[in-house]
Amino acid sequence: MRVCVTALGLALLAATVAAQPPPRVRGVIQAVEGATLVVATPSDGVVRLTLTDMTGINGLEKRTMADIGDNTFVGATAVKNGDGRWEATEVHIFPESMRGAGEGHYAWDLPESTMTNGVKPPM
């Protein structure tokens, strides 16, 4: 009986690990070496990542509020400030091809952070 319980426990653990989203890495690309991406991060130093067909890479471009028109798909990252209130730290203007991806409000990858994605309504 103990073996069955252990096997079930390992199966549940494996299913939980497989269902977790992949880690997010923030940093500056230092090199691409075949299927390896070398990234300098503020928190973990230089990390080496193996690229697969499932790897997503996003870049940044400087934009202004004028770039957010009616019906633009946007996202906002927020963290709690010193007063305990949520404060936006990033605003993302997503390409049209990402419309609807990750829509809603949920925990994000920075400590105690959230992401809220949606469409800017007409004013």
N, C-alpha and C. Protein backbone atom coordinates (compact mmCIF):
# COMPACT_ATOMS: atom_id res chain seq x y z
N MET A 1 0.82 -1.20 0.00
CA MET A 1 0.00 0.00 0.00
C MET A 1 0.86 1.26 0.00
N ARG A 2 1.94 1.28 0.75
CA ARG A 2 2.81 2.44 0.83
C ARG A 2 3.39 2.78 -0.56
N VAL A 3 3.74 1.78 -1.35
CA VAL A 3 4.29 2.01 -2.68
C VAL A 3 3.28 2.71 -3.57
N CYS A 4 2.03 2.31 -3.52
CA CYS A 4 0.98 2.94 -4.33
C CYS A 4 0.80 4.40 -3.97
N VAL A 5 0.80 4.70 -2.67
CA VAL A 5 0.63 6.09 -2.23
C VAL A 5 1.81 6.93 -2.68
N THR A 6 3.03 6.40 -2.56
CA THR A 6 4.22 7.13 -2.99
C THR A 6 4.19 7.37 -4.49
N ALA A 7 3.81 6.36 -5.26
CA ALA A 7 3.74 6.51 -6.71
C ALA A 7 2.70 7.55 -7.10
N LEU A 8 1.55 7.54 -6.42
CA LEU A 8 0.52 8.53 -6.70
C LEU A 8 1.04 9.92 -6.35
N GLY A 9 1.73 10.05 -5.22
CA GLY A 9 2.30 11.33 -4.82
C GLY A 9 3.30 11.85 -5.84
N LEU A 10 4.16 10.98 -6.35
CA LEU A 10 5.14 11.39 -7.36
C LEU A 10 4.45 11.78 -8.66
N ALA A 11 3.39 11.05 -9.03
CA ALA A 11 2.65 11.38 -10.24
C ALA A 11 1.99 12.75 -10.12
N LEU A 12 1.41 13.04 -8.95
CA LEU A 12 0.79 14.35 -8.74
C LEU A 12 1.83 15.45 -8.76
N LEU A 13 2.99 15.21 -8.14
CA LEU A 13 4.07 16.19 -8.13
C LEU A 13 4.55 16.46 -9.55
N ALA A 14 4.73 15.41 -10.34
CA ALA A 14 5.18 15.58 -11.73
C ALA A 14 4.15 16.37 -12.54
N ALA A 15 2.86 16.11 -12.33
CA ALA A 15 1.82 16.84 -13.05
C ALA A 15 1.82 18.30 -12.65
N THR A 16 2.05 18.58 -11.36
CA THR A 16 2.08 19.96 -10.89
C THR A 16 3.27 20.71 -11.49
N VAL A 17 4.44 20.06 -11.50
CA VAL A 17 5.64 20.70 -12.06
C VAL A 17 5.45 20.96 -13.55
N ALA A 18 4.88 19.99 -14.27
CA ALA A 18 4.68 20.14 -15.72
C ALA A 18 3.70 21.25 -16.03
N ALA A 19 2.73 21.51 -15.13
CA ALA A 19 1.70 22.51 -15.38
C ALA A 19 2.16 23.93 -15.05
N GLN A 20 3.30 24.07 -14.37
CA GLN A 20 3.77 25.40 -14.00
C GLN A 20 4.29 26.14 -15.23
N PRO A 21 4.07 27.46 -15.27
CA PRO A 21 4.57 28.22 -16.41
C PRO A 21 6.09 28.28 -16.39
N PRO A 22 6.71 28.46 -17.55
CA PRO A 22 8.18 28.55 -17.58
C PRO A 22 8.64 29.81 -16.86
N PRO A 23 9.87 29.81 -16.37
CA PRO A 23 10.37 31.00 -15.67
C PRO A 23 10.54 32.16 -16.64
N ARG A 24 10.44 33.36 -16.12
CA ARG A 24 10.68 34.56 -16.92
C ARG A 24 12.05 35.09 -16.54
N VAL A 25 12.79 35.55 -17.52
CA VAL A 25 14.12 36.10 -17.28
C VAL A 25 14.13 37.50 -17.86
N ARG A 26 14.50 38.48 -17.04
CA ARG A 26 14.61 39.86 -17.50
C ARG A 26 16.08 40.24 -17.53
N GLY A 27 16.52 40.82 -18.64
CA GLY A 27 17.91 41.23 -18.71
C GLY A 27 18.27 41.70 -20.10
N VAL A 28 19.57 41.82 -20.30
CA VAL A 28 20.12 42.29 -21.58
C VAL A 28 20.82 41.12 -22.25
N ILE A 29 20.45 40.86 -23.50
CA ILE A 29 21.08 39.76 -24.24
C ILE A 29 22.55 40.10 -24.47
N GLN A 30 23.42 39.17 -24.06
CA GLN A 30 24.86 39.33 -24.23
C GLN A 30 25.36 38.61 -25.48
N ALA A 31 24.76 37.43 -25.76
CA ALA A 31 25.20 36.64 -26.91
C ALA A 31 24.16 35.58 -27.23
N VAL A 32 24.21 35.11 -28.47
CA VAL A 32 23.45 33.94 -28.90
C VAL A 32 24.50 32.97 -29.41
N GLU A 33 24.56 31.80 -28.75
CA GLU A 33 25.55 30.77 -29.10
C GLU A 33 24.81 29.51 -29.50
N GLY A 34 24.49 29.39 -30.79
CA GLY A 34 23.70 28.25 -31.25
C GLY A 34 22.32 28.31 -30.64
N ALA A 35 21.95 27.30 -29.86
CA ALA A 35 20.63 27.25 -29.22
C ALA A 35 20.69 27.77 -27.78
N THR A 36 21.74 28.52 -27.45
CA THR A 36 21.89 29.07 -26.11
C THR A 36 21.85 30.59 -26.16
N LEU A 37 21.02 31.18 -25.30
CA LEU A 37 20.92 32.63 -25.17
C LEU A 37 21.61 33.02 -23.86
N VAL A 38 22.56 33.94 -23.93
CA VAL A 38 23.29 34.40 -22.75
C VAL A 38 22.73 35.77 -22.38
N VAL A 39 22.19 35.87 -21.14
CA VAL A 39 21.50 37.08 -20.70
C VAL A 39 22.11 37.58 -19.40
N ALA A 40 22.42 38.89 -19.33
CA ALA A 40 22.86 39.52 -18.08
C ALA A 40 21.63 40.04 -17.37
N THR A 41 21.39 39.55 -16.14
CA THR A 41 20.21 39.95 -15.38
C THR A 41 20.62 40.78 -14.17
N PRO A 42 19.73 41.67 -13.71
CA PRO A 42 20.05 42.46 -12.53
C PRO A 42 20.13 41.64 -11.25
N SER A 43 19.36 40.54 -11.17
CA SER A 43 19.30 39.79 -9.92
C SER A 43 20.12 38.51 -9.90
N ASP A 44 20.31 37.86 -11.05
CA ASP A 44 20.98 36.56 -11.07
C ASP A 44 22.31 36.56 -11.79
N GLY A 45 22.81 37.73 -12.19
CA GLY A 45 24.05 37.77 -12.96
C GLY A 45 23.82 37.28 -14.37
N VAL A 46 24.83 36.68 -14.96
CA VAL A 46 24.72 36.17 -16.33
C VAL A 46 24.13 34.76 -16.28
N VAL A 47 23.06 34.56 -17.05
CA VAL A 47 22.44 33.24 -17.12
C VAL A 47 22.45 32.75 -18.56
N ARG A 48 22.50 31.43 -18.71
CA ARG A 48 22.50 30.80 -20.03
C ARG A 48 21.18 30.04 -20.16
N LEU A 49 20.46 30.31 -21.24
CA LEU A 49 19.15 29.71 -21.46
C LEU A 49 19.17 28.92 -22.76
N THR A 50 18.61 27.72 -22.70
CA THR A 50 18.49 26.90 -23.90
C THR A 50 17.22 27.29 -24.63
N LEU A 51 17.35 27.64 -25.91
CA LEU A 51 16.21 28.04 -26.73
C LEU A 51 15.53 26.81 -27.32
N THR A 52 14.20 26.81 -27.32
CA THR A 52 13.42 25.74 -27.94
C THR A 52 12.37 26.39 -28.84
N ASP A 53 11.57 25.57 -29.49
CA ASP A 53 10.48 26.08 -30.32
C ASP A 53 9.43 26.80 -29.48
N MET A 54 9.41 26.56 -28.17
CA MET A 54 8.44 27.16 -27.27
C MET A 54 8.96 28.44 -26.60
N THR A 55 10.21 28.83 -26.87
CA THR A 55 10.79 30.01 -26.23
C THR A 55 10.18 31.28 -26.79
N GLY A 56 9.74 32.16 -25.90
CA GLY A 56 9.22 33.47 -26.31
C GLY A 56 10.21 34.55 -25.91
N ILE A 57 10.45 35.46 -26.81
CA ILE A 57 11.38 36.57 -26.53
C ILE A 57 10.67 37.87 -26.85
N ASN A 58 10.67 38.79 -25.91
CA ASN A 58 10.06 40.10 -26.11
C ASN A 58 11.12 41.17 -25.96
N GLY A 59 10.98 42.23 -26.71
CA GLY A 59 11.91 43.35 -26.63
C GLY A 59 11.20 44.62 -26.21
N LEU A 60 11.96 45.66 -26.02
CA LEU A 60 11.40 46.94 -25.59
C LEU A 60 11.73 48.02 -26.60
N GLU A 61 10.80 48.94 -26.77
CA GLU A 61 11.01 50.15 -27.56
C GLU A 61 10.43 51.31 -26.78
N LYS A 62 11.06 52.46 -26.86
CA LYS A 62 10.54 53.63 -26.17
C LYS A 62 9.27 54.10 -26.88
N ARG A 63 8.22 54.34 -26.10
CA ARG A 63 6.93 54.83 -26.60
C ARG A 63 6.43 55.93 -25.69
N THR A 64 5.37 56.62 -26.13
CA THR A 64 4.74 57.65 -25.31
C THR A 64 3.26 57.32 -25.18
N MET A 65 2.57 58.05 -24.33
CA MET A 65 1.12 57.84 -24.17
C MET A 65 0.39 58.07 -25.50
N ALA A 66 0.95 58.90 -26.36
CA ALA A 66 0.32 59.17 -27.66
C ALA A 66 0.28 57.92 -28.54
N ASP A 67 1.13 56.93 -28.24
CA ASP A 67 1.15 55.68 -29.01
C ASP A 67 0.02 54.73 -28.62
N ILE A 68 -0.71 55.06 -27.55
CA ILE A 68 -1.82 54.20 -27.10
C ILE A 68 -3.12 54.81 -27.59
N GLY A 69 -3.59 54.29 -28.72
CA GLY A 69 -4.84 54.78 -29.31
C GLY A 69 -6.02 53.95 -28.86
N ASP A 70 -7.21 54.35 -29.31
CA ASP A 70 -8.42 53.59 -29.02
C ASP A 70 -8.26 52.16 -29.53
N ASN A 71 -8.74 51.19 -28.73
CA ASN A 71 -8.74 49.79 -29.09
C ASN A 71 -7.35 49.16 -29.15
N THR A 72 -6.33 49.81 -28.54
CA THR A 72 -4.99 49.25 -28.48
C THR A 72 -4.94 48.22 -27.36
N PHE A 73 -4.34 47.06 -27.62
CA PHE A 73 -4.19 46.02 -26.60
C PHE A 73 -2.97 46.36 -25.74
N VAL A 74 -3.21 46.62 -24.46
CA VAL A 74 -2.15 47.06 -23.55
C VAL A 74 -2.12 46.20 -22.29
N GLY A 75 -1.03 46.31 -21.56
CA GLY A 75 -0.90 45.65 -20.27
C GLY A 75 -0.15 46.58 -19.32
N ALA A 76 -0.42 46.45 -18.03
CA ALA A 76 0.27 47.26 -17.03
C ALA A 76 0.79 46.34 -15.93
N THR A 77 2.07 46.48 -15.63
CA THR A 77 2.68 45.78 -14.50
C THR A 77 2.63 46.73 -13.32
N ALA A 78 2.25 46.22 -12.15
CA ALA A 78 2.16 47.06 -10.96
C ALA A 78 2.79 46.36 -9.76
N VAL A 79 3.38 47.16 -8.86
CA VAL A 79 3.90 46.67 -7.59
C VAL A 79 3.38 47.59 -6.49
N LYS A 80 3.41 47.11 -5.25
CA LYS A 80 2.96 47.95 -4.15
C LYS A 80 4.06 48.95 -3.79
N ASN A 81 3.65 50.21 -3.60
CA ASN A 81 4.61 51.24 -3.22
C ASN A 81 4.76 51.26 -1.70
N GLY A 82 5.51 52.19 -1.16
CA GLY A 82 5.76 52.28 0.27
C GLY A 82 4.51 52.47 1.11
N ASP A 83 3.45 53.01 0.51
CA ASP A 83 2.18 53.20 1.22
C ASP A 83 1.25 51.99 1.09
N GLY A 84 1.72 50.93 0.40
CA GLY A 84 0.90 49.74 0.22
C GLY A 84 -0.10 49.85 -0.91
N ARG A 85 0.01 50.90 -1.72
CA ARG A 85 -0.91 51.08 -2.86
C ARG A 85 -0.24 50.56 -4.13
N TRP A 86 -1.06 50.03 -5.05
CA TRP A 86 -0.52 49.53 -6.32
C TRP A 86 -0.07 50.69 -7.19
N GLU A 87 1.09 50.54 -7.79
CA GLU A 87 1.67 51.60 -8.64
C GLU A 87 2.21 50.94 -9.92
N ALA A 88 1.80 51.47 -11.06
CA ALA A 88 2.28 50.93 -12.34
C ALA A 88 3.77 51.19 -12.49
N THR A 89 4.51 50.14 -12.87
CA THR A 89 5.94 50.28 -13.12
C THR A 89 6.28 50.13 -14.60
N GLU A 90 5.39 49.47 -15.33
CA GLU A 90 5.58 49.27 -16.77
C GLU A 90 4.23 49.33 -17.45
N VAL A 91 4.21 49.86 -18.65
CA VAL A 91 3.02 49.80 -19.51
C VAL A 91 3.48 49.16 -20.81
N HIS A 92 2.78 48.14 -21.23
CA HIS A 92 3.14 47.40 -22.43
C HIS A 92 2.12 47.67 -23.53
N ILE A 93 2.59 48.00 -24.72
CA ILE A 93 1.74 48.11 -25.90
C ILE A 93 2.03 46.85 -26.71
N PHE A 94 1.05 45.94 -26.74
CA PHE A 94 1.27 44.66 -27.39
C PHE A 94 1.02 44.76 -28.89
N PRO A 95 1.75 43.97 -29.68
CA PRO A 95 1.46 43.93 -31.11
C PRO A 95 0.09 43.31 -31.34
N GLU A 96 -0.52 43.65 -32.45
CA GLU A 96 -1.86 43.17 -32.78
C GLU A 96 -1.94 41.65 -32.73
N SER A 97 -0.87 40.98 -33.09
CA SER A 97 -0.87 39.51 -33.10
C SER A 97 -1.04 38.91 -31.70
N MET A 98 -0.81 39.70 -30.65
CA MET A 98 -0.97 39.21 -29.28
C MET A 98 -2.33 39.57 -28.68
N ARG A 99 -3.19 40.22 -29.44
CA ARG A 99 -4.50 40.64 -28.92
C ARG A 99 -5.21 39.46 -28.26
N GLY A 100 -5.64 39.67 -27.02
CA GLY A 100 -6.37 38.65 -26.28
C GLY A 100 -5.49 37.72 -25.47
N ALA A 101 -4.18 37.70 -25.71
CA ALA A 101 -3.29 36.81 -24.96
C ALA A 101 -3.13 37.32 -23.53
N GLY A 102 -3.39 36.48 -22.60
CA GLY A 102 -3.20 36.86 -21.20
C GLY A 102 -4.14 37.94 -20.71
N GLU A 103 -5.29 38.09 -21.34
CA GLU A 103 -6.23 39.14 -20.93
C GLU A 103 -6.69 38.92 -19.50
N GLY A 104 -6.77 39.98 -18.73
CA GLY A 104 -7.24 39.87 -17.35
C GLY A 104 -6.22 40.43 -16.36
N HIS A 105 -6.36 40.02 -15.10
CA HIS A 105 -5.53 40.53 -14.01
C HIS A 105 -5.00 39.34 -13.21
N TYR A 106 -3.67 39.26 -13.01
CA TYR A 106 -3.09 38.11 -12.32
C TYR A 106 -1.71 38.45 -11.78
N ALA A 107 -1.16 37.56 -10.95
CA ALA A 107 0.18 37.75 -10.40
C ALA A 107 1.20 37.73 -11.54
N TRP A 108 2.30 38.47 -11.36
CA TRP A 108 3.31 38.56 -12.40
C TRP A 108 4.65 38.09 -11.87
N ASP A 109 5.74 38.33 -12.61
CA ASP A 109 7.02 37.72 -12.29
C ASP A 109 7.92 38.51 -11.34
N LEU A 110 7.62 39.76 -11.07
CA LEU A 110 8.39 40.50 -10.08
C LEU A 110 7.83 40.18 -8.70
N PRO A 111 8.62 40.33 -7.64
CA PRO A 111 8.07 40.06 -6.31
C PRO A 111 6.83 40.93 -6.04
N GLU A 112 5.77 40.29 -5.56
CA GLU A 112 4.52 40.98 -5.24
C GLU A 112 4.08 41.94 -6.34
N SER A 113 3.97 41.41 -7.55
CA SER A 113 3.56 42.24 -8.68
C SER A 113 2.36 41.63 -9.39
N THR A 114 1.67 42.46 -10.17
CA THR A 114 0.52 42.01 -10.95
C THR A 114 0.67 42.47 -12.39
N MET A 115 -0.06 41.81 -13.27
CA MET A 115 -0.17 42.21 -14.67
C MET A 115 -1.65 42.31 -14.98
N THR A 116 -2.03 43.39 -15.63
CA THR A 116 -3.40 43.58 -16.07
C THR A 116 -3.37 43.89 -17.56
N ASN A 117 -4.00 43.04 -18.37
CA ASN A 117 -4.01 43.20 -19.83
C ASN A 117 -5.43 43.41 -20.32
N GLY A 118 -5.58 44.30 -21.28
CA GLY A 118 -6.89 44.55 -21.87
C GLY A 118 -6.81 45.56 -22.99
N VAL A 119 -7.94 45.94 -23.51
CA VAL A 119 -8.04 46.87 -24.63
C VAL A 119 -8.42 48.25 -24.12
N LYS A 120 -7.72 49.29 -24.60
CA LYS A 120 -8.07 50.66 -24.23
C LYS A 120 -9.35 51.03 -24.95
N PRO A 121 -10.40 51.35 -24.21
CA PRO A 121 -11.66 51.71 -24.86
C PRO A 121 -11.59 53.10 -25.47
N PRO A 122 -12.46 53.39 -26.44
CA PRO A 122 -12.51 54.76 -27.00
C PRO A 122 -12.87 55.76 -25.92
N MET A 123 -12.34 56.94 -26.02
CA MET A 123 -12.63 58.00 -25.03
C MET A 123 -13.71 58.90 -25.54
